[in-house]
């Protein structure tokens, strides 16, 4: 996870109600999913939905999709939902 740093130190983001320190300028869909479900890789039957709020100006809230990232901000909130087809 070596991306450009914010500056003076990490920010705290909230993923599924749990705080995480994040020291990169951006966070990707895949990184958010890993924070939400550590060590639990999805299968072909799993679908993940990532929604965020309290983001930067103009992008205060929205959805994050696979292969994309968003600028991390102090206090930013991510909600990750895992759905499995049966």
PDB file of N, CA and C in Angstrom:
ATOM      1  N   UNK A   1       0.814  -1.176   0.000  1.00  0.00           N
ATOM      2  CA  UNK A   1       0.000   0.000   0.000  1.00  0.00           C
ATOM      3  C   UNK A   1       0.864   1.248   0.000  1.00  0.00           C
ATOM      4  N   UNK A   2       1.825   1.301  -0.859  1.00  0.00           N
ATOM      5  CA  UNK A   2       2.703   2.452  -0.896  1.00  0.00           C
ATOM      6  C   UNK A   2       2.173   3.471  -1.892  1.00  0.00           C
ATOM      7  N   UNK A   3       1.374   4.396  -1.397  1.00  0.00           N
ATOM      8  CA  UNK A   3       0.855   5.484  -2.207  1.00  0.00           C
ATOM      9  C   UNK A   3       1.315   6.778  -1.576  1.00  0.00           C
ATOM     10  N   UNK A   4       1.112   7.880  -2.292  1.00  0.00           N
ATOM     11  CA  UNK A   4       1.533   9.175  -1.788  1.00  0.00           C
ATOM     12  C   UNK A   4       0.878   9.477  -0.444  1.00  0.00           C
ATOM     13  N   UNK A   5       1.645   9.972   0.478  1.00  0.00           N
ATOM     14  CA  UNK A   5       1.167  10.258   1.833  1.00  0.00           C
ATOM     15  C   UNK A   5       0.399  11.566   1.889  1.00  0.00           C
ATOM     16  N   UNK A   6      -0.477  11.717   2.898  1.00  0.00           N
ATOM     17  CA  UNK A   6      -1.234  12.949   3.138  1.00  0.00           C
ATOM     18  C   UNK A   6      -0.322  14.087   3.517  1.00  0.00           C
ATOM     19  N   UNK A   7       0.651  13.822   4.308  1.00  0.00           N
ATOM     20  CA  UNK A   7       1.505  14.869   4.845  1.00  0.00           C
ATOM     21  C   UNK A   7       1.941  14.501   6.245  1.00  0.00           C
ATOM     22  N   UNK A   8       1.411  15.199   7.274  1.00  0.00           N
ATOM     23  CA  UNK A   8       1.914  15.019   8.624  1.00  0.00           C
ATOM     24  C   UNK A   8       1.620  13.667   9.273  1.00  0.00           C
ATOM     25  N   UNK A   9       0.612  12.963   8.881  1.00  0.00           N
ATOM     26  CA  UNK A   9       0.337  11.688   9.524  1.00  0.00           C
ATOM     27  C   UNK A   9      -0.899  11.026   8.968  1.00  0.00           C
ATOM     28  N   UNK A  10      -1.216   9.852   9.481  1.00  0.00           N
ATOM     29  CA  UNK A  10      -2.377   9.109   8.976  1.00  0.00           C
ATOM     30  C   UNK A  10      -3.691   9.769   9.377  1.00  0.00           C
ATOM     31  N   UNK A  11      -4.731   9.422   8.631  1.00  0.00           N
ATOM     32  CA  UNK A  11      -6.083   9.850   8.991  1.00  0.00           C
ATOM     33  C   UNK A  11      -6.796   8.630   9.551  1.00  0.00           C
ATOM     34  N   UNK A  12      -7.876   8.860  10.252  1.00  0.00           N
ATOM     35  CA  UNK A  12      -8.697   7.770  10.748  1.00  0.00           C
ATOM     36  C   UNK A  12      -9.951   7.713   9.896  1.00  0.00           C
ATOM     37  N   UNK A  13     -10.179   6.548   9.283  1.00  0.00           N
ATOM     38  CA  UNK A  13     -11.398   6.311   8.517  1.00  0.00           C
ATOM     39  C   UNK A  13     -12.213   5.268   9.263  1.00  0.00           C
ATOM     40  N   UNK A  14     -13.491   5.229   9.006  1.00  0.00           N
ATOM     41  CA  UNK A  14     -14.383   4.274   9.653  1.00  0.00           C
ATOM     42  C   UNK A  14     -14.889   3.307   8.589  1.00  0.00           C
ATOM     43  N   UNK A  15     -14.653   2.016   8.811  1.00  0.00           N
ATOM     44  CA  UNK A  15     -15.106   0.982   7.882  1.00  0.00           C
ATOM     45  C   UNK A  15     -16.000   0.025   8.658  1.00  0.00           C
ATOM     46  N   UNK A  16     -17.273  -0.029   8.278  1.00  0.00           N
ATOM     47  CA  UNK A  16     -18.261  -0.863   8.968  1.00  0.00           C
ATOM     48  C   UNK A  16     -18.199  -0.637  10.482  1.00  0.00           C
ATOM     49  N   UNK A  17     -18.230   0.599  10.882  1.00  0.00           N
ATOM     50  CA  UNK A  17     -18.250   1.088  12.264  1.00  0.00           C
ATOM     51  C   UNK A  17     -16.927   0.928  13.017  1.00  0.00           C
ATOM     52  N   UNK A  18     -15.879   0.396  12.377  1.00  0.00           N
ATOM     53  CA  UNK A  18     -14.592   0.215  13.048  1.00  0.00           C
ATOM     54  C   UNK A  18     -13.574   1.233  12.539  1.00  0.00           C
ATOM     55  N   UNK A  19     -12.879   1.931  13.445  1.00  0.00           N
ATOM     56  CA  UNK A  19     -11.863   2.899  13.009  1.00  0.00           C
ATOM     57  C   UNK A  19     -10.602   2.199  12.499  1.00  0.00           C
ATOM     58  N   UNK A  20     -10.007   2.784  11.473  1.00  0.00           N
ATOM     59  CA  UNK A  20      -8.754   2.292  10.898  1.00  0.00           C
ATOM     60  C   UNK A  20      -7.876   3.500  10.599  1.00  0.00           C
ATOM     61  N   UNK A  21      -6.591   3.398  10.906  1.00  0.00           N
ATOM     62  CA  UNK A  21      -5.645   4.445  10.539  1.00  0.00           C
ATOM     63  C   UNK A  21      -5.219   4.199   9.101  1.00  0.00           C
ATOM     64  N   UNK A  22      -5.224   5.248   8.308  1.00  0.00           N
ATOM     65  CA  UNK A  22      -4.872   5.132   6.886  1.00  0.00           C
ATOM     66  C   UNK A  22      -3.871   6.221   6.553  1.00  0.00           C
ATOM     67  N   UNK A  23      -2.715   5.834   6.002  1.00  0.00           N
ATOM     68  CA  UNK A  23      -1.684   6.834   5.756  1.00  0.00           C
ATOM     69  C   UNK A  23      -1.410   7.101   4.282  1.00  0.00           C
ATOM     70  N   UNK A  24      -2.302   6.665   3.408  1.00  0.00           N
ATOM     71  CA  UNK A  24      -2.167   6.957   1.985  1.00  0.00           C
ATOM     72  C   UNK A  24      -3.165   8.021   1.566  1.00  0.00           C
ATOM     73  N   UNK A  25      -2.850   8.700   0.498  1.00  0.00           N
ATOM     74  CA  UNK A  25      -3.708   9.773  -0.010  1.00  0.00           C
ATOM     75  C   UNK A  25      -5.039   9.228  -0.513  1.00  0.00           C
ATOM     76  N   UNK A  26      -5.033   8.052  -1.116  1.00  0.00           N
ATOM     77  CA  UNK A  26      -6.239   7.441  -1.663  1.00  0.00           C
ATOM     78  C   UNK A  26      -6.442   6.047  -1.086  1.00  0.00           C
ATOM     79  N   UNK A  27      -7.672   5.577  -1.213  1.00  0.00           N
ATOM     80  CA  UNK A  27      -7.981   4.203  -0.817  1.00  0.00           C
ATOM     81  C   UNK A  27      -8.844   3.598  -1.921  1.00  0.00           C
ATOM     82  N   UNK A  28      -8.534   2.363  -2.291  1.00  0.00           N
ATOM     83  CA  UNK A  28      -9.234   1.702  -3.391  1.00  0.00           C
ATOM     84  C   UNK A  28     -10.389   0.849  -2.873  1.00  0.00           C
ATOM     85  N   UNK A  29     -11.258   0.491  -3.772  1.00  0.00           N
ATOM     86  CA  UNK A  29     -12.365  -0.417  -3.479  1.00  0.00           C
ATOM     87  C   UNK A  29     -11.836  -1.687  -2.820  1.00  0.00           C
ATOM     88  N   UNK A  30     -10.798  -2.264  -3.416  1.00  0.00           N
ATOM     89  CA  UNK A  30     -10.243  -3.519  -2.920  1.00  0.00           C
ATOM     90  C   UNK A  30      -9.657  -3.360  -1.515  1.00  0.00           C
ATOM     91  N   UNK A  31      -9.033  -2.229  -1.241  1.00  0.00           N
ATOM     92  CA  UNK A  31      -8.471  -1.987   0.087  1.00  0.00           C
ATOM     93  C   UNK A  31      -9.562  -1.813   1.137  1.00  0.00           C
ATOM     94  N   UNK A  32     -10.643  -1.128   0.779  1.00  0.00           N
ATOM     95  CA  UNK A  32     -11.759  -0.963   1.710  1.00  0.00           C
ATOM     96  C   UNK A  32     -12.386  -2.323   2.022  1.00  0.00           C
ATOM     97  N   UNK A  33     -12.582  -3.157   1.005  1.00  0.00           N
ATOM     98  CA  UNK A  33     -13.158  -4.490   1.213  1.00  0.00           C
ATOM     99  C   UNK A  33     -12.258  -5.314   2.124  1.00  0.00           C
ATOM    100  N   UNK A  34     -10.942  -5.231   1.941  1.00  0.00           N
ATOM    101  CA  UNK A  34     -10.005  -5.979   2.790  1.00  0.00           C
ATOM    102  C   UNK A  34     -10.075  -5.500   4.238  1.00  0.00           C
ATOM    103  N   UNK A  35     -10.243  -4.197   4.462  1.00  0.00           N
ATOM    104  CA  UNK A  35     -10.395  -3.694   5.824  1.00  0.00           C
ATOM    105  C   UNK A  35     -11.709  -4.172   6.445  1.00  0.00           C
ATOM    106  N   UNK A  36     -12.751  -4.262   5.632  1.00  0.00           N
ATOM    107  CA  UNK A  36     -14.056  -4.694   6.144  1.00  0.00           C
ATOM    108  C   UNK A  36     -14.084  -6.193   6.434  1.00  0.00           C
ATOM    109  N   UNK A  37     -13.430  -6.976   5.580  1.00  0.00           N
ATOM    110  CA  UNK A  37     -13.429  -8.445   5.705  1.00  0.00           C
ATOM    111  C   UNK A  37     -11.997  -8.961   5.622  1.00  0.00           C
ATOM    112  N   UNK A  38     -11.170  -8.700   6.639  1.00  0.00           N
ATOM    113  CA  UNK A  38      -9.755  -9.080   6.568  1.00  0.00           C
ATOM    114  C   UNK A  38      -9.565 -10.589   6.440  1.00  0.00           C
ATOM    115  N   UNK A  39      -8.734 -10.962   5.470  1.00  0.00           N
ATOM    116  CA  UNK A  39      -8.405 -12.372   5.280  1.00  0.00           C
ATOM    117  C   UNK A  39      -9.556 -13.227   4.793  1.00  0.00           C
ATOM    118  N   UNK A  40     -10.613 -12.609   4.321  1.00  0.00           N
ATOM    119  CA  UNK A  40     -11.776 -13.351   3.824  1.00  0.00           C
ATOM    120  C   UNK A  40     -12.018 -12.995   2.355  1.00  0.00           C
ATOM    121  N   UNK A  41     -11.229 -13.537   1.464  1.00  0.00           N
ATOM    122  CA  UNK A  41     -11.410 -13.185   0.051  1.00  0.00           C
ATOM    123  C   UNK A  41     -12.782 -13.627  -0.452  1.00  0.00           C
ATOM    124  N   UNK A  42     -13.346 -12.827  -1.301  1.00  0.00           N
ATOM    125  CA  UNK A  42     -14.638 -13.171  -1.874  1.00  0.00           C
ATOM    126  C   UNK A  42     -14.505 -14.316  -2.868  1.00  0.00           C
ATOM    127  N   UNK A  43     -15.592 -15.002  -3.072  1.00  0.00           N
ATOM    128  CA  UNK A  43     -15.627 -16.065  -4.072  1.00  0.00           C
ATOM    129  C   UNK A  43     -16.374 -15.533  -5.285  1.00  0.00           C
ATOM    130  N   UNK A  44     -16.486 -16.324  -6.309  1.00  0.00           N
ATOM    131  CA  UNK A  44     -17.237 -15.931  -7.495  1.00  0.00           C
ATOM    132  C   UNK A  44     -18.708 -15.720  -7.198  1.00  0.00           C
ATOM    133  N   UNK A  45     -19.143 -16.187  -6.053  1.00  0.00           N
ATOM    134  CA  UNK A  45     -20.542 -16.056  -5.652  1.00  0.00           C
ATOM    135  C   UNK A  45     -20.786 -14.789  -4.825  1.00  0.00           C
ATOM    136  N   UNK A  46     -19.738 -14.078  -4.447  1.00  0.00           N
ATOM    137  CA  UNK A  46     -19.863 -12.897  -3.594  1.00  0.00           C
ATOM    138  C   UNK A  46     -19.872 -11.613  -4.410  1.00  0.00           C
ATOM    139  N   UNK A  47     -20.676 -10.676  -3.963  1.00  0.00           N
ATOM    140  CA  UNK A  47     -20.707  -9.333  -4.523  1.00  0.00           C
ATOM    141  C   UNK A  47     -20.508  -8.359  -3.371  1.00  0.00           C
ATOM    142  N   UNK A  48     -19.638  -7.378  -3.562  1.00  0.00           N
ATOM    143  CA  UNK A  48     -19.392  -6.367  -2.535  1.00  0.00           C
ATOM    144  C   UNK A  48     -19.907  -5.022  -3.024  1.00  0.00           C
ATOM    145  N   UNK A  49     -20.553  -4.304  -2.133  1.00  0.00           N
ATOM    146  CA  UNK A  49     -21.013  -2.949  -2.397  1.00  0.00           C
ATOM    147  C   UNK A  49     -20.346  -2.041  -1.377  1.00  0.00           C
ATOM    148  N   UNK A  50     -19.705  -0.973  -1.847  1.00  0.00           N
ATOM    149  CA  UNK A  50     -19.032  -0.024  -0.963  1.00  0.00           C
ATOM    150  C   UNK A  50     -19.669   1.346  -1.151  1.00  0.00           C
ATOM    151  N   UNK A  51     -20.163   1.891  -0.061  1.00  0.00           N
ATOM    152  CA  UNK A  51     -20.712   3.248  -0.050  1.00  0.00           C
ATOM    153  C   UNK A  51     -19.897   4.057   0.945  1.00  0.00           C
ATOM    154  N   UNK A  52     -19.708   5.337   0.639  1.00  0.00           N
ATOM    155  CA  UNK A  52     -18.956   6.194   1.547  1.00  0.00           C
ATOM    156  C   UNK A  52     -19.683   7.511   1.778  1.00  0.00           C
ATOM    157  N   UNK A  53     -19.340   8.137   2.903  1.00  0.00           N
ATOM    158  CA  UNK A  53     -19.868   9.461   3.234  1.00  0.00           C
ATOM    159  C   UNK A  53     -18.778  10.250   3.941  1.00  0.00           C
ATOM    160  N   UNK A  54     -19.022  11.543   4.104  1.00  0.00           N
ATOM    161  CA  UNK A  54     -18.062  12.461   4.726  1.00  0.00           C
ATOM    162  C   UNK A  54     -16.760  12.558   3.941  1.00  0.00           C
ATOM    163  N   UNK A  55     -16.873  12.474   2.612  1.00  0.00           N
ATOM    164  CA  UNK A  55     -15.697  12.588   1.749  1.00  0.00           C
ATOM    165  C   UNK A  55     -15.354  14.031   1.459  1.00  0.00           C
ATOM    166  N   UNK A  56     -14.455  14.248   0.502  1.00  0.00           N
ATOM    167  CA  UNK A  56     -14.001  15.583   0.137  1.00  0.00           C
ATOM    168  C   UNK A  56     -15.089  16.354  -0.603  1.00  0.00           C
ATOM    169  N   UNK A  57     -14.930  17.659  -0.629  1.00  0.00           N
ATOM    170  CA  UNK A  57     -15.873  18.556  -1.309  1.00  0.00           C
ATOM    171  C   UNK A  57     -16.179  18.057  -2.715  1.00  0.00           C
ATOM    172  N   UNK A  58     -17.447  18.060  -3.066  1.00  0.00           N
ATOM    173  CA  UNK A  58     -17.857  17.606  -4.379  1.00  0.00           C
ATOM    174  C   UNK A  58     -18.023  16.104  -4.476  1.00  0.00           C
ATOM    175  N   UNK A  59     -17.440  15.399  -3.539  1.00  0.00           N
ATOM    176  CA  UNK A  59     -17.545  13.935  -3.513  1.00  0.00           C
ATOM    177  C   UNK A  59     -17.836  13.498  -2.080  1.00  0.00           C
ATOM    178  N   UNK A  60     -18.731  14.204  -1.427  1.00  0.00           N
ATOM    179  CA  UNK A  60     -19.025  13.955  -0.020  1.00  0.00           C
ATOM    180  C   UNK A  60     -19.575  12.579   0.255  1.00  0.00           C
ATOM    181  N   UNK A  61     -20.348  12.050  -0.694  1.00  0.00           N
ATOM    182  CA  UNK A  61     -20.878  10.695  -0.527  1.00  0.00           C
ATOM    183  C   UNK A  61     -21.014  10.063  -1.899  1.00  0.00           C
ATOM    184  N   UNK A  62     -21.033   8.732  -1.902  1.00  0.00           N
ATOM    185  CA  UNK A  62     -21.154   8.029  -3.166  1.00  0.00           C
ATOM    186  C   UNK A  62     -20.842   6.560  -3.017  1.00  0.00           C
ATOM    187  N   UNK A  63     -20.671   5.924  -4.148  1.00  0.00           N
ATOM    188  CA  UNK A  63     -20.339   4.505  -4.198  1.00  0.00           C
ATOM    189  C   UNK A  63     -18.950   4.344  -4.784  1.00  0.00           C
ATOM    190  N   UNK A  64     -18.266   3.315  -4.333  1.00  0.00           N
ATOM    191  CA  UNK A  64     -16.943   2.989  -4.840  1.00  0.00           C
ATOM    192  C   UNK A  64     -17.056   1.635  -5.517  1.00  0.00           C
ATOM    193  N   UNK A  65     -16.551   1.528  -6.739  1.00  0.00           N
ATOM    194  CA  UNK A  65     -16.654   0.283  -7.494  1.00  0.00           C
ATOM    195  C   UNK A  65     -15.277  -0.326  -7.726  1.00  0.00           C
ATOM    196  N   UNK A  66     -15.264  -1.612  -8.054  1.00  0.00           N
ATOM    197  CA  UNK A  66     -14.017  -2.357  -8.263  1.00  0.00           C
ATOM    198  C   UNK A  66     -13.117  -1.633  -9.260  1.00  0.00           C
ATOM    199  N   UNK A  67     -11.844  -1.558  -8.911  1.00  0.00           N
ATOM    200  CA  UNK A  67     -10.863  -0.932  -9.774  1.00  0.00           C
ATOM    201  C   UNK A  67     -10.760   0.578  -9.618  1.00  0.00           C
ATOM    202  N   UNK A  68     -11.554   1.163  -8.750  1.00  0.00           N
ATOM    203  CA  UNK A  68     -11.532   2.608  -8.542  1.00  0.00           C
ATOM    204  C   UNK A  68     -11.098   2.949  -7.122  1.00  0.00           C
ATOM    205  N   UNK A  69     -10.745   4.228  -6.927  1.00  0.00           N
ATOM    206  CA  UNK A  69     -10.332   4.686  -5.605  1.00  0.00           C
ATOM    207  C   UNK A  69     -10.907   6.069  -5.351  1.00  0.00           C
ATOM    208  N   UNK A  70     -10.781   6.506  -4.110  1.00  0.00           N
ATOM    209  CA  UNK A  70     -11.272   7.808  -3.689  1.00  0.00           C
ATOM    210  C   UNK A  70     -10.245   8.403  -2.731  1.00  0.00           C
ATOM    211  N   UNK A  71     -10.167   9.727  -2.684  1.00  0.00           N
ATOM    212  CA  UNK A  71      -9.257  10.377  -1.734  1.00  0.00           C
ATOM    213  C   UNK A  71      -9.740  10.143  -0.321  1.00  0.00           C
ATOM    214  N   UNK A  72      -8.850   9.729   0.543  1.00  0.00           N
ATOM    215  CA  UNK A  72      -9.178   9.476   1.949  1.00  0.00           C
ATOM    216  C   UNK A  72      -9.176  10.792   2.715  1.00  0.00           C
ATOM    217  N   UNK A  73     -10.076  10.906   3.673  1.00  0.00           N
ATOM    218  CA  UNK A  73     -10.192  12.115   4.478  1.00  0.00           C
ATOM    219  C   UNK A  73     -10.452  11.724   5.928  1.00  0.00           C
ATOM    220  N   UNK A  74      -9.948  12.506   6.855  1.00  0.00           N
ATOM    221  CA  UNK A  74     -10.179  12.274   8.280  1.00  0.00           C
ATOM    222  C   UNK A  74     -11.680  12.153   8.552  1.00  0.00           C
ATOM    223  N   UNK A  75     -12.069  11.059   9.214  1.00  0.00           N
ATOM    224  CA  UNK A  75     -13.465  10.846   9.591  1.00  0.00           C
ATOM    225  C   UNK A  75     -14.351  10.303   8.491  1.00  0.00           C
ATOM    226  N   UNK A  76     -13.778   9.965   7.347  1.00  0.00           N
ATOM    227  CA  UNK A  76     -14.561   9.422   6.239  1.00  0.00           C
ATOM    228  C   UNK A  76     -15.146   8.076   6.650  1.00  0.00           C
ATOM    229  N   UNK A  77     -16.390   7.819   6.249  1.00  0.00           N
ATOM    230  CA  UNK A  77     -17.099   6.609   6.657  1.00  0.00           C
ATOM    231  C   UNK A  77     -17.362   5.736   5.428  1.00  0.00           C
ATOM    232  N   UNK A  78     -17.038   4.447   5.557  1.00  0.00           N
ATOM    233  CA  UNK A  78     -17.288   3.463   4.504  1.00  0.00           C
ATOM    234  C   UNK A  78     -18.198   2.373   5.052  1.00  0.00           C
ATOM    235  N   UNK A  79     -19.223   2.031   4.281  1.00  0.00           N
ATOM    236  CA  UNK A  79     -20.093   0.907   4.612  1.00  0.00           C
ATOM    237  C   UNK A  79     -19.926  -0.123   3.504  1.00  0.00           C
ATOM    238  N   UNK A  80     -19.525  -1.339   3.902  1.00  0.00           N
ATOM    239  CA  UNK A  80     -19.269  -2.406   2.940  1.00  0.00           C
ATOM    240  C   UNK A  80     -20.266  -3.525   3.176  1.00  0.00           C
ATOM    241  N   UNK A  81     -20.965  -3.904   2.115  1.00  0.00           N
ATOM    242  CA  UNK A  81     -21.969  -4.962   2.190  1.00  0.00           C
ATOM    243  C   UNK A  81     -21.502  -6.119   1.324  1.00  0.00           C
ATOM    244  N   UNK A  82     -21.610  -7.319   1.883  1.00  0.00           N
ATOM    245  CA  UNK A  82     -21.236  -8.541   1.164  1.00  0.00           C
ATOM    246  C   UNK A  82     -22.506  -9.347   0.914  1.00  0.00           C
ATOM    247  N   UNK A  83     -22.742  -9.676  -0.339  1.00  0.00           N
ATOM    248  CA  UNK A  83     -23.920 -10.466  -0.703  1.00  0.00           C
ATOM    249  C   UNK A  83     -23.442 -11.727  -1.396  1.00  0.00           C
ATOM    250  N   UNK A  84     -23.955 -12.869  -0.978  1.00  0.00           N
ATOM    251  CA  UNK A  84     -23.599 -14.149  -1.593  1.00  0.00           C
ATOM    252  C   UNK A  84     -24.814 -14.733  -2.293  1.00  0.00           C
ATOM    253  N   UNK A  85     -24.600 -15.149  -3.524  1.00  0.00           N
ATOM    254  CA  UNK A  85     -25.677 -15.834  -4.245  1.00  0.00           C
ATOM    255  C   UNK A  85     -25.708 -17.279  -3.772  1.00  0.00           C
ATOM    256  N   UNK A  86     -26.901 -17.800  -3.661  1.00  0.00           N
ATOM    257  CA  UNK A  86     -26.997 -19.210  -3.249  1.00  0.00           C
ATOM    258  C   UNK A  86     -27.661 -20.047  -4.301  1.00  0.00           C
TER     259      UNK A  86
END
